[in-house]
Amino acid sequence: MHAQRWLDEVTTSLITGVYIDPAAGKVTFGDYWHRWSARQTWTNSTMVTAELSARSTTFWNLQLGRLKRAHVEEWVKAMTPPAVSRDQGLASSAIRTRFNYVHMGLAAAVRDRLIAANPATGVSLPRSRRRDVTMNIPTTSQVRLAMDSAPEHFRLFVALCAFAGLRLGEAAAQVGDVDFAKQRLCIRRQVQGQTRAHLEVGLPKVGSERDIAIPEMLADLVTRHINEVGTFDDERWLFKSGSHLLTRNGAGHQWRQIREGIGMEEFSLRDPRHSYASAPIATG
């Protein structure tokens, strides 16, 4: 009776095209991840983040066929408390980012007919805590204080974030060929990668290529930077760290030194960009 029912189910799944060979699920999540991720057309920085996400799972060495929703839930829960490598649990936004990459990999395993269903589907994620979603927006006076306290070679970087609304990678990718006649910055590339080992110059975030009108004050700062600090390499980069382009980690390190000396510890280097957006919003 049971054998006949099993045979009927297998026959039905073969006819409908949803049959999954039980042997297919014997590959581990980690082995499948390597095969699948190698096929993706990701930038280097995206690949690093995706690999970190997958490696953080608690089921890396588990066969896909044995992977259950409970395993994914246990992994998500394991990211919330402090751990050996961190003093606090991961922020809800970081957990969501890691989860999304793993979810994508498991969805691909379903499409590749290695498993019948995605065990990550329906898993609840931590809600964003207020400190995750509340923006810190420095005042104009605070931005000016930060710029005045910045070393000469880094002052323009802070100004580009605050008065042109550039992301860190976009600011790092600026070169000394600003259209001074039109007072415009052309955003066509960004520096990607947290560290020098993963550094590369690529396209901006999708849909972020743009021309930005800049105030005369900022254009003057660019001119002063070129005259007094100079440019770097044949590309005429505006910023460097040693003999390399300035990475996000490098920029963050310089910012932390600035903010600790002026009592702005609650602000990250991304926060001056919020002040750029808040001004036109406030004026309608």
C-alpha atoms as a PDB file:
ATOM      1  CA  MET A   1       0.000   0.000   0.000  1.00  0.00           C
ATOM      2  CA  HIS A   2       2.669   2.486   1.061  1.00  0.00           C
ATOM      3  CA  ALA A   3       4.929   1.343  -1.774  1.00  0.00           C
ATOM      4  CA  GLN A   4       2.140   1.890  -4.300  1.00  0.00           C
ATOM      5  CA  ARG A   5       1.435   5.367  -2.890  1.00  0.00           C
ATOM      6  CA  TRP A   6       5.140   6.254  -3.147  1.00  0.00           C
ATOM      7  CA  LEU A   7       5.238   4.956  -6.735  1.00  0.00           C
ATOM      8  CA  ASP A   8       2.148   6.974  -7.623  1.00  0.00           C
ATOM      9  CA  GLU A   9       3.693  10.144  -6.164  1.00  0.00           C
ATOM     10  CA  VAL A  10       6.951   9.630  -8.036  1.00  0.00           C
ATOM     11  CA  THR A  11       5.080   8.946 -11.264  1.00  0.00           C
ATOM     12  CA  THR A  12       2.986  12.090 -10.807  1.00  0.00           C
ATOM     13  CA  SER A  13       6.041  14.258 -10.110  1.00  0.00           C
ATOM     14  CA  LEU A  14       7.790  12.887 -13.190  1.00  0.00           C
ATOM     15  CA  ILE A  15       4.782  13.661 -15.364  1.00  0.00           C
ATOM     16  CA  THR A  16       4.351  17.168 -13.951  1.00  0.00           C
ATOM     17  CA  GLY A  17       8.077  17.900 -14.138  1.00  0.00           C
ATOM     18  CA  VAL A  18       8.600  18.515 -10.409  1.00  0.00           C
ATOM     19  CA  TYR A  19      10.493  15.320  -9.609  1.00  0.00           C
ATOM     20  CA  ILE A  20      13.684  15.816  -7.569  1.00  0.00           C
ATOM     21  CA  ASP A  21      16.266  13.039  -7.577  1.00  0.00           C
ATOM     22  CA  PRO A  22      16.993  12.273  -3.878  1.00  0.00           C
ATOM     23  CA  ALA A  23      20.686  11.856  -4.757  1.00  0.00           C
ATOM     24  CA  ALA A  24      20.847  15.444  -6.052  1.00  0.00           C
ATOM     25  CA  GLY A  25      20.466  16.884  -2.568  1.00  0.00           C
ATOM     26  CA  LYS A  26      23.557  15.149  -1.215  1.00  0.00           C
ATOM     27  CA  VAL A  27      25.778  18.086  -2.227  1.00  0.00           C
ATOM     28  CA  THR A  28      26.531  20.332   0.742  1.00  0.00           C
ATOM     29  CA  PHE A  29      25.357  23.907   0.870  1.00  0.00           C
ATOM     30  CA  GLY A  30      28.979  25.092   0.808  1.00  0.00           C
ATOM     31  CA  ASP A  31      29.889  23.057  -2.274  1.00  0.00           C
ATOM     32  CA  TYR A  32      26.802  24.216  -4.125  1.00  0.00           C
ATOM     33  CA  TRP A  33      27.419  27.822  -3.083  1.00  0.00           C
ATOM     34  CA  HIS A  34      30.903  27.745  -4.668  1.00  0.00           C
ATOM     35  CA  ARG A  35      29.512  26.372  -7.922  1.00  0.00           C
ATOM     36  CA  TRP A  36      26.586  28.777  -8.036  1.00  0.00           C
ATOM     37  CA  SER A  37      28.386  31.951  -6.946  1.00  0.00           C
ATOM     38  CA  ALA A  38      31.124  31.343  -9.546  1.00  0.00           C
ATOM     39  CA  ARG A  39      28.454  31.711 -12.237  1.00  0.00           C
ATOM     40  CA  GLN A  40      27.258  35.115 -11.006  1.00  0.00           C
ATOM     41  CA  THR A  41      28.317  38.381 -12.664  1.00  0.00           C
ATOM     42  CA  TRP A  42      28.968  40.187  -9.403  1.00  0.00           C
ATOM     43  CA  THR A  43      31.474  42.935  -8.754  1.00  0.00           C
ATOM     44  CA  ASN A  44      34.388  42.009  -6.548  1.00  0.00           C
ATOM     45  CA  SER A  45      32.966  43.852  -3.540  1.00  0.00           C
ATOM     46  CA  THR A  46      29.579  42.149  -3.964  1.00  0.00           C
ATOM     47  CA  MET A  47      31.289  38.777  -4.214  1.00  0.00           C
ATOM     48  CA  VAL A  48      33.143  39.457  -0.954  1.00  0.00           C
ATOM     49  CA  THR A  49      29.906  40.363   0.851  1.00  0.00           C
ATOM     50  CA  ALA A  50      28.070  37.366  -0.585  1.00  0.00           C
ATOM     51  CA  GLU A  51      30.880  34.977   0.394  1.00  0.00           C
ATOM     52  CA  LEU A  52      30.955  36.411   3.921  1.00  0.00           C
ATOM     53  CA  SER A  53      27.196  35.894   4.158  1.00  0.00           C
ATOM     54  CA  ALA A  54      27.337  32.277   3.041  1.00  0.00           C
ATOM     55  CA  ARG A  55      30.335  31.468   5.228  1.00  0.00           C
ATOM     56  CA  SER A  56      28.511  32.801   8.268  1.00  0.00           C
ATOM     57  CA  THR A  57      25.836  30.117   7.996  1.00  0.00           C
ATOM     58  CA  THR A  58      25.700  27.358  10.584  1.00  0.00           C
ATOM     59  CA  PHE A  59      24.836  24.819   7.863  1.00  0.00           C
ATOM     60  CA  TRP A  60      27.777  25.341   5.481  1.00  0.00           C
ATOM     61  CA  ASN A  61      28.716  21.628   5.576  1.00  0.00           C
ATOM     62  CA  LEU A  62      25.147  20.292   5.653  1.00  0.00           C
ATOM     63  CA  GLN A  63      23.720  18.466   2.636  1.00  0.00           C
ATOM     64  CA  LEU A  64      21.057  20.463   0.824  1.00  0.00           C
ATOM     65  CA  GLY A  65      18.619  17.564   1.029  1.00  0.00           C
ATOM     66  CA  ARG A  66      18.836  17.632   4.827  1.00  0.00           C
ATOM     67  CA  LEU A  67      18.560  21.389   5.148  1.00  0.00           C
ATOM     68  CA  LYS A  68      15.346  22.443   6.888  1.00  0.00           C
ATOM     69  CA  ARG A  69      13.737  25.758   7.701  1.00  0.00           C
ATOM     70  CA  ALA A  70      14.739  25.202  11.334  1.00  0.00           C
ATOM     71  CA  HIS A  71      18.434  25.277  10.339  1.00  0.00           C
ATOM     72  CA  VAL A  72      17.968  28.673   8.684  1.00  0.00           C
ATOM     73  CA  GLU A  73      16.062  29.997  11.698  1.00  0.00           C
ATOM     74  CA  GLU A  74      18.841  28.818  14.032  1.00  0.00           C
ATOM     75  CA  TRP A  75      21.423  30.623  11.875  1.00  0.00           C
ATOM     76  CA  VAL A  76      19.423  33.874  11.913  1.00  0.00           C
ATOM     77  CA  LYS A  77      19.064  33.653  15.687  1.00  0.00           C
ATOM     78  CA  ALA A  78      22.812  32.989  16.081  1.00  0.00           C
ATOM     79  CA  MET A  79      23.568  36.360  14.451  1.00  0.00           C
ATOM     80  CA  THR A  80      21.625  38.396  16.998  1.00  0.00           C
ATOM     81  CA  PRO A  81      23.683  37.972  20.228  1.00  0.00           C
ATOM     82  CA  PRO A  82      27.363  38.933  20.780  1.00  0.00           C
ATOM     83  CA  ALA A  83      29.965  36.413  19.631  1.00  0.00           C
ATOM     84  CA  VAL A  84      33.679  35.700  19.929  1.00  0.00           C
ATOM     85  CA  SER A  85      34.425  37.953  16.958  1.00  0.00           C
ATOM     86  CA  ARG A  86      32.086  40.817  17.924  1.00  0.00           C
ATOM     87  CA  ASP A  87      31.004  42.694  21.040  1.00  0.00           C
ATOM     88  CA  GLN A  88      27.381  43.056  19.900  1.00  0.00           C
ATOM     89  CA  GLY A  89      24.901  41.156  17.801  1.00  0.00           C
ATOM     90  CA  LEU A  90      24.690  42.108  14.151  1.00  0.00           C
ATOM     91  CA  ALA A  91      22.386  44.983  13.231  1.00  0.00           C
ATOM     92  CA  SER A  92      19.080  43.921  11.728  1.00  0.00           C
ATOM     93  CA  SER A  93      20.105  45.478   8.402  1.00  0.00           C
ATOM     94  CA  ALA A  94      23.290  43.366   8.329  1.00  0.00           C
ATOM     95  CA  ILE A  95      21.322  40.222   9.164  1.00  0.00           C
ATOM     96  CA  ARG A  96      18.886  40.972   6.363  1.00  0.00           C
ATOM     97  CA  THR A  97      21.732  41.479   3.876  1.00  0.00           C
ATOM     98  CA  ARG A  98      23.340  38.145   4.766  1.00  0.00           C
ATOM     99  CA  PHE A  99      19.996  36.369   4.716  1.00  0.00           C
ATOM    100  CA  ASN A 100      19.128  37.749   1.273  1.00  0.00           C
ATOM    101  CA  TYR A 101      22.315  36.379  -0.297  1.00  0.00           C
ATOM    102  CA  VAL A 102      21.776  32.936   1.226  1.00  0.00           C
ATOM    103  CA  HIS A 103      18.119  32.994   0.194  1.00  0.00           C
ATOM    104  CA  MET A 104      19.219  33.712  -3.376  1.00  0.00           C
ATOM    105  CA  GLY A 105      21.605  30.750  -3.340  1.00  0.00           C
ATOM    106  CA  LEU A 106      18.959  28.389  -2.017  1.00  0.00           C
ATOM    107  CA  ALA A 107      16.428  29.645  -4.561  1.00  0.00           C
ATOM    108  CA  ALA A 108      18.964  28.802  -7.264  1.00  0.00           C
ATOM    109  CA  ALA A 109      19.262  25.271  -5.824  1.00  0.00           C
ATOM    110  CA  VAL A 110      15.497  24.918  -6.302  1.00  0.00           C
ATOM    111  CA  ARG A 111      15.774  26.079  -9.925  1.00  0.00           C
ATOM    112  CA  ASP A 112      18.650  23.632 -10.453  1.00  0.00           C
ATOM    113  CA  ARG A 113      16.315  20.886  -9.141  1.00  0.00           C
ATOM    114  CA  LEU A 114      18.565  19.932  -6.237  1.00  0.00           C
ATOM    115  CA  ILE A 115      15.852  20.569  -3.646  1.00  0.00           C
ATOM    116  CA  ALA A 116      12.093  20.816  -3.976  1.00  0.00           C
ATOM    117  CA  ALA A 117      11.559  23.986  -1.936  1.00  0.00           C
ATOM    118  CA  ASN A 118      13.586  26.865  -0.506  1.00  0.00           C
ATOM    119  CA  PRO A 119      14.019  26.284   3.263  1.00  0.00           C
ATOM    120  CA  ALA A 120      14.647  30.013   3.787  1.00  0.00           C
ATOM    121  CA  THR A 121      11.193  30.990   2.553  1.00  0.00           C
ATOM    122  CA  GLY A 122       9.023  32.375   5.335  1.00  0.00           C
ATOM    123  CA  VAL A 123      11.833  32.716   7.885  1.00  0.00           C
ATOM    124  CA  SER A 124      11.213  35.698  10.161  1.00  0.00           C
ATOM    125  CA  LEU A 125      13.972  38.297  10.468  1.00  0.00           C
ATOM    126  CA  PRO A 126      14.632  40.700  13.353  1.00  0.00           C
ATOM    127  CA  ARG A 127      12.780  43.973  13.085  1.00  0.00           C
ATOM    128  CA  SER A 128      14.825  47.078  12.528  1.00  0.00           C
ATOM    129  CA  ARG A 129      15.645  48.597  15.856  1.00  0.00           C
ATOM    130  CA  ARG A 130      15.211  52.329  16.179  1.00  0.00           C
ATOM    131  CA  ARG A 131      18.946  52.949  16.277  1.00  0.00           C
ATOM    132  CA  ASP A 132      19.239  51.084  12.950  1.00  0.00           C
ATOM    133  CA  VAL A 133      16.794  53.303  11.092  1.00  0.00           C
ATOM    134  CA  THR A 134      17.177  56.715  12.725  1.00  0.00           C
ATOM    135  CA  MET A 135      19.457  58.943  10.695  1.00  0.00           C
ATOM    136  CA  ASN A 136      21.991  61.165  12.378  1.00  0.00           C
ATOM    137  CA  ILE A 137      22.039  64.431  10.488  1.00  0.00           C
ATOM    138  CA  PRO A 138      24.875  66.783  11.437  1.00  0.00           C
ATOM    139  CA  THR A 139      24.157  70.479  11.446  1.00  0.00           C
ATOM    140  CA  THR A 140      25.941  72.911   9.141  1.00  0.00           C
ATOM    141  CA  SER A 141      28.045  74.053  12.080  1.00  0.00           C
ATOM    142  CA  GLN A 142      29.060  70.476  12.874  1.00  0.00           C
ATOM    143  CA  VAL A 143      30.008  69.817   9.251  1.00  0.00           C
ATOM    144  CA  ARG A 144      32.101  72.992   9.246  1.00  0.00           C
ATOM    145  CA  LEU A 145      33.769  71.956  12.498  1.00  0.00           C
ATOM    146  CA  ALA A 146      34.595  68.541  11.015  1.00  0.00           C
ATOM    147  CA  MET A 147      36.062  70.111   7.889  1.00  0.00           C
ATOM    148  CA  ASP A 148      38.140  72.582   9.902  1.00  0.00           C
ATOM    149  CA  SER A 149      39.447  69.716  12.039  1.00  0.00           C
ATOM    150  CA  ALA A 150      40.264  67.451   9.088  1.00  0.00           C
ATOM    151  CA  PRO A 151      43.824  67.199   7.777  1.00  0.00           C
ATOM    152  CA  GLU A 152      44.345  69.153   4.573  1.00  0.00           C
ATOM    153  CA  HIS A 153      44.370  66.078   2.314  1.00  0.00           C
ATOM    154  CA  PHE A 154      41.028  64.822   3.685  1.00  0.00           C
ATOM    155  CA  ARG A 155      39.067  68.071   4.041  1.00  0.00           C
ATOM    156  CA  LEU A 156      37.666  67.924   0.518  1.00  0.00           C
ATOM    157  CA  PHE A 157      36.500  64.342   1.026  1.00  0.00           C
ATOM    158  CA  VAL A 158      34.265  65.433   3.924  1.00  0.00           C
ATOM    159  CA  ALA A 159      33.003  68.359   1.841  1.00  0.00           C
ATOM    160  CA  LEU A 160      32.080  66.122  -1.112  1.00  0.00           C
ATOM    161  CA  CYS A 161      29.992  63.928   1.173  1.00  0.00           C
ATOM    162  CA  ALA A 162      28.301  66.863   2.877  1.00  0.00           C
ATOM    163  CA  PHE A 163      27.807  69.321  -0.002  1.00  0.00           C
ATOM    164  CA  ALA A 164      27.549  67.037  -3.048  1.00  0.00           C
ATOM    165  CA  GLY A 165      25.860  64.068  -1.352  1.00  0.00           C
ATOM    166  CA  LEU A 166      28.422  61.566  -2.624  1.00  0.00           C
ATOM    167  CA  ARG A 167      28.712  58.023  -1.318  1.00  0.00           C
ATOM    168  CA  LEU A 168      32.123  57.114   0.084  1.00  0.00           C
ATOM    169  CA  GLY A 169      33.165  55.143  -2.987  1.00  0.00           C
ATOM    170  CA  GLU A 170      31.991  57.934  -5.296  1.00  0.00           C
ATOM    171  CA  ALA A 171      33.936  60.556  -3.371  1.00  0.00           C
ATOM    172  CA  ALA A 172      37.064  58.382  -3.447  1.00  0.00           C
ATOM    173  CA  ALA A 173      36.743  58.014  -7.223  1.00  0.00           C
ATOM    174  CA  GLN A 174      36.701  61.728  -7.954  1.00  0.00           C
ATOM    175  CA  VAL A 175      39.421  63.090 -10.227  1.00  0.00           C
ATOM    176  CA  GLY A 176      40.778  66.527 -10.879  1.00  0.00           C
ATOM    177  CA  ASP A 177      38.709  67.225 -13.987  1.00  0.00           C
ATOM    178  CA  VAL A 178      35.636  68.883 -12.492  1.00  0.00           C
ATOM    179  CA  ASP A 179      33.651  71.029 -14.953  1.00  0.00           C
ATOM    180  CA  PHE A 180      34.412  74.332 -13.280  1.00  0.00           C
ATOM    181  CA  ALA A 181      32.649  76.396 -15.959  1.00  0.00           C
ATOM    182  CA  LYS A 182      29.335  74.681 -15.219  1.00  0.00           C
ATOM    183  CA  GLN A 183      30.208  73.909 -11.579  1.00  0.00           C
ATOM    184  CA  ARG A 184      29.266  70.272 -11.979  1.00  0.00           C
ATOM    185  CA  LEU A 185      30.583  66.894 -10.822  1.00  0.00           C
ATOM    186  CA  CYS A 186      30.124  63.913 -13.135  1.00  0.00           C
ATOM    187  CA  ILE A 187      29.585  60.680 -11.199  1.00  0.00           C
ATOM    188  CA  ARG A 188      30.587  57.849 -13.511  1.00  0.00           C
ATOM    189  CA  ARG A 189      32.533  55.453 -11.267  1.00  0.00           C
ATOM    190  CA  GLN A 190      33.270  54.528  -7.703  1.00  0.00           C
ATOM    191  CA  VAL A 191      36.017  52.862  -5.685  1.00  0.00           C
ATOM    192  CA  GLN A 192      34.770  49.471  -4.528  1.00  0.00           C
ATOM    193  CA  GLY A 193      36.124  47.249  -1.770  1.00  0.00           C
ATOM    194  CA  GLN A 194      36.602  47.772   1.931  1.00  0.00           C
ATOM    195  CA  THR A 195      40.351  47.042   1.905  1.00  0.00           C
ATOM    196  CA  ARG A 196      43.279  47.314  -0.487  1.00  0.00           C
ATOM    197  CA  ALA A 197      43.151  43.569  -1.140  1.00  0.00           C
ATOM    198  CA  HIS A 198      39.676  43.942  -2.662  1.00  0.00           C
ATOM    199  CA  LEU A 199      40.049  47.410  -4.157  1.00  0.00           C
ATOM    200  CA  GLU A 200      38.785  48.061  -7.668  1.00  0.00           C
ATOM    201  CA  VAL A 201      37.251  50.889  -9.654  1.00  0.00           C
ATOM    202  CA  GLY A 202      33.820  50.121 -11.060  1.00  0.00           C
ATOM    203  CA  LEU A 203      30.527  51.649 -12.078  1.00  0.00           C
ATOM    204  CA  PRO A 204      28.419  53.486  -9.498  1.00  0.00           C
ATOM    205  CA  LYS A 205      25.461  51.818  -7.871  1.00  0.00           C
ATOM    206  CA  VAL A 206      22.851  50.939 -10.516  1.00  0.00           C
ATOM    207  CA  GLY A 207      21.026  54.082 -11.604  1.00  0.00           C
ATOM    208  CA  SER A 208      23.452  56.366  -9.757  1.00  0.00           C
ATOM    209  CA  GLU A 209      25.346  57.785 -12.732  1.00  0.00           C
ATOM    210  CA  ARG A 210      24.559  61.480 -12.549  1.00  0.00           C
ATOM    211  CA  ASP A 211      25.766  65.054 -12.924  1.00  0.00           C
ATOM    212  CA  ILE A 212      25.643  67.136  -9.765  1.00  0.00           C
ATOM    213  CA  ALA A 213      25.509  70.913  -9.598  1.00  0.00           C
ATOM    214  CA  ILE A 214      27.867  72.037  -6.836  1.00  0.00           C
ATOM    215  CA  PRO A 215      28.020  75.324  -4.960  1.00  0.00           C
ATOM    216  CA  GLU A 216      30.803  77.769  -5.719  1.00  0.00           C
ATOM    217  CA  MET A 217      32.285  77.114  -2.290  1.00  0.00           C
ATOM    218  CA  LEU A 218      32.773  73.431  -3.118  1.00  0.00           C
ATOM    219  CA  ALA A 219      34.247  74.206  -6.532  1.00  0.00           C
ATOM    220  CA  ASP A 220      36.723  76.511  -4.787  1.00  0.00           C
ATOM    221  CA  LEU A 221      37.638  73.704  -2.362  1.00  0.00           C
ATOM    222  CA  VAL A 222      38.347  71.387  -5.286  1.00  0.00           C
ATOM    223  CA  THR A 223      40.607  74.017  -6.863  1.00  0.00           C
ATOM    224  CA  ARG A 224      42.446  74.557  -3.586  1.00  0.00           C
ATOM    225  CA  HIS A 225      42.873  70.824  -3.103  1.00  0.00           C
ATOM    226  CA  ILE A 226      44.366  70.401  -6.583  1.00  0.00           C
ATOM    227  CA  ASN A 227      46.735  73.348  -6.080  1.00  0.00           C
ATOM    228  CA  GLU A 228      47.843  72.567  -2.529  1.00  0.00           C
ATOM    229  CA  VAL A 229      47.496  68.779  -2.193  1.00  0.00           C
ATOM    230  CA  GLY A 230      47.745  67.763  -5.827  1.00  0.00           C
ATOM    231  CA  THR A 231      46.376  64.796  -7.758  1.00  0.00           C
ATOM    232  CA  PHE A 232      47.433  61.171  -7.858  1.00  0.00           C
ATOM    233  CA  ASP A 233      48.588  59.010 -10.785  1.00  0.00           C
ATOM    234  CA  ASP A 234      47.838  59.532 -14.481  1.00  0.00           C
ATOM    235  CA  GLU A 235      44.112  59.377 -13.709  1.00  0.00           C
ATOM    236  CA  ARG A 236      44.478  62.495 -11.517  1.00  0.00           C
ATOM    237  CA  TRP A 237      42.722  60.992  -8.491  1.00  0.00           C
ATOM    238  CA  LEU A 238      42.024  63.497  -5.746  1.00  0.00           C
ATOM    239  CA  PHE A 239      42.554  61.117  -2.816  1.00  0.00           C
ATOM    240  CA  LYS A 240      45.029  58.430  -1.903  1.00  0.00           C
ATOM    241  CA  SER A 241      46.337  56.426   1.015  1.00  0.00           C
ATOM    242  CA  GLY A 242      50.045  55.855   0.651  1.00  0.00           C
ATOM    243  CA  SER A 243      50.459  54.832  -2.976  1.00  0.00           C
ATOM    244  CA  HIS A 244      46.927  53.412  -3.278  1.00  0.00           C
ATOM    245  CA  LEU A 245      43.431  54.742  -3.801  1.00  0.00           C
ATOM    246  CA  LEU A 246      41.538  55.602  -0.664  1.00  0.00           C
ATOM    247  CA  THR A 247      39.323  52.677   0.428  1.00  0.00           C
ATOM    248  CA  ARG A 248      36.196  52.947   2.554  1.00  0.00           C
ATOM    249  CA  ASN A 249      38.099  51.484   5.489  1.00  0.00           C
ATOM    250  CA  GLY A 250      40.841  54.063   5.024  1.00  0.00           C
ATOM    251  CA  ALA A 251      38.355  56.917   4.806  1.00  0.00           C
ATOM    252  CA  GLY A 252      36.503  55.600   7.850  1.00  0.00           C
ATOM    253  CA  HIS A 253      39.724  55.455   9.873  1.00  0.00           C
ATOM    254  CA  GLN A 254      40.511  59.101   9.104  1.00  0.00           C
ATOM    255  CA  TRP A 255      36.957  60.132   9.946  1.00  0.00           C
ATOM    256  CA  ARG A 256      37.072  58.389  13.323  1.00  0.00           C
ATOM    257  CA  GLN A 257      40.218  60.320  14.209  1.00  0.00           C
ATOM    258  CA  ILE A 258      38.450  63.576  13.340  1.00  0.00           C
ATOM    259  CA  ARG A 259      35.173  62.934  15.148  1.00  0.00           C
ATOM    260  CA  GLU A 260      36.799  61.743  18.375  1.00  0.00           C
ATOM    261  CA  GLY A 261      38.651  65.029  18.656  1.00  0.00           C
ATOM    262  CA  ILE A 262      35.549  67.207  18.264  1.00  0.00           C
ATOM    263  CA  GLY A 263      32.896  65.245  20.169  1.00  0.00           C
ATOM    264  CA  MET A 264      31.027  63.878  17.141  1.00  0.00           C
ATOM    265  CA  GLU A 265      31.420  60.171  18.000  1.00  0.00           C
ATOM    266  CA  GLU A 266      27.757  59.448  17.204  1.00  0.00           C
ATOM    267  CA  PHE A 267      28.231  60.339  13.526  1.00  0.00           C
ATOM    268  CA  SER A 268      29.541  58.007  10.832  1.00  0.00           C
ATOM    269  CA  LEU A 269      31.143  59.286   7.640  1.00  0.00           C
ATOM    270  CA  ARG A 270      27.875  58.530   5.829  1.00  0.00           C
ATOM    271  CA  ASP A 271      25.950  60.986   7.983  1.00  0.00           C
ATOM    272  CA  PRO A 272      27.237  64.196   6.328  1.00  0.00           C
ATOM    273  CA  ARG A 273      25.576  62.912   3.149  1.00  0.00           C
ATOM    274  CA  HIS A 274      22.249  63.036   4.977  1.00  0.00           C
ATOM    275  CA  SER A 275      22.770  66.735   5.634  1.00  0.00           C
ATOM    276  CA  TYR A 276      23.070  67.271   1.859  1.00  0.00           C
ATOM    277  CA  ALA A 277      19.640  65.684   1.357  1.00  0.00           C
ATOM    278  CA  SER A 278      17.979  67.329   4.346  1.00  0.00           C
ATOM    279  CA  ALA A 279      18.547  70.899   3.174  1.00  0.00           C
ATOM    280  CA  PRO A 280      16.498  70.725  -0.084  1.00  0.00           C
ATOM    281  CA  ILE A 281      13.875  68.579   1.673  1.00  0.00           C
ATOM    282  CA  ALA A 282      13.496  71.245   4.367  1.00  0.00           C
ATOM    283  CA  THR A 283      13.018  73.936   1.719  1.00  0.00           C
ATOM    284  CA  GLY A 284      10.475  71.883  -0.216  1.00  0.00           C
END
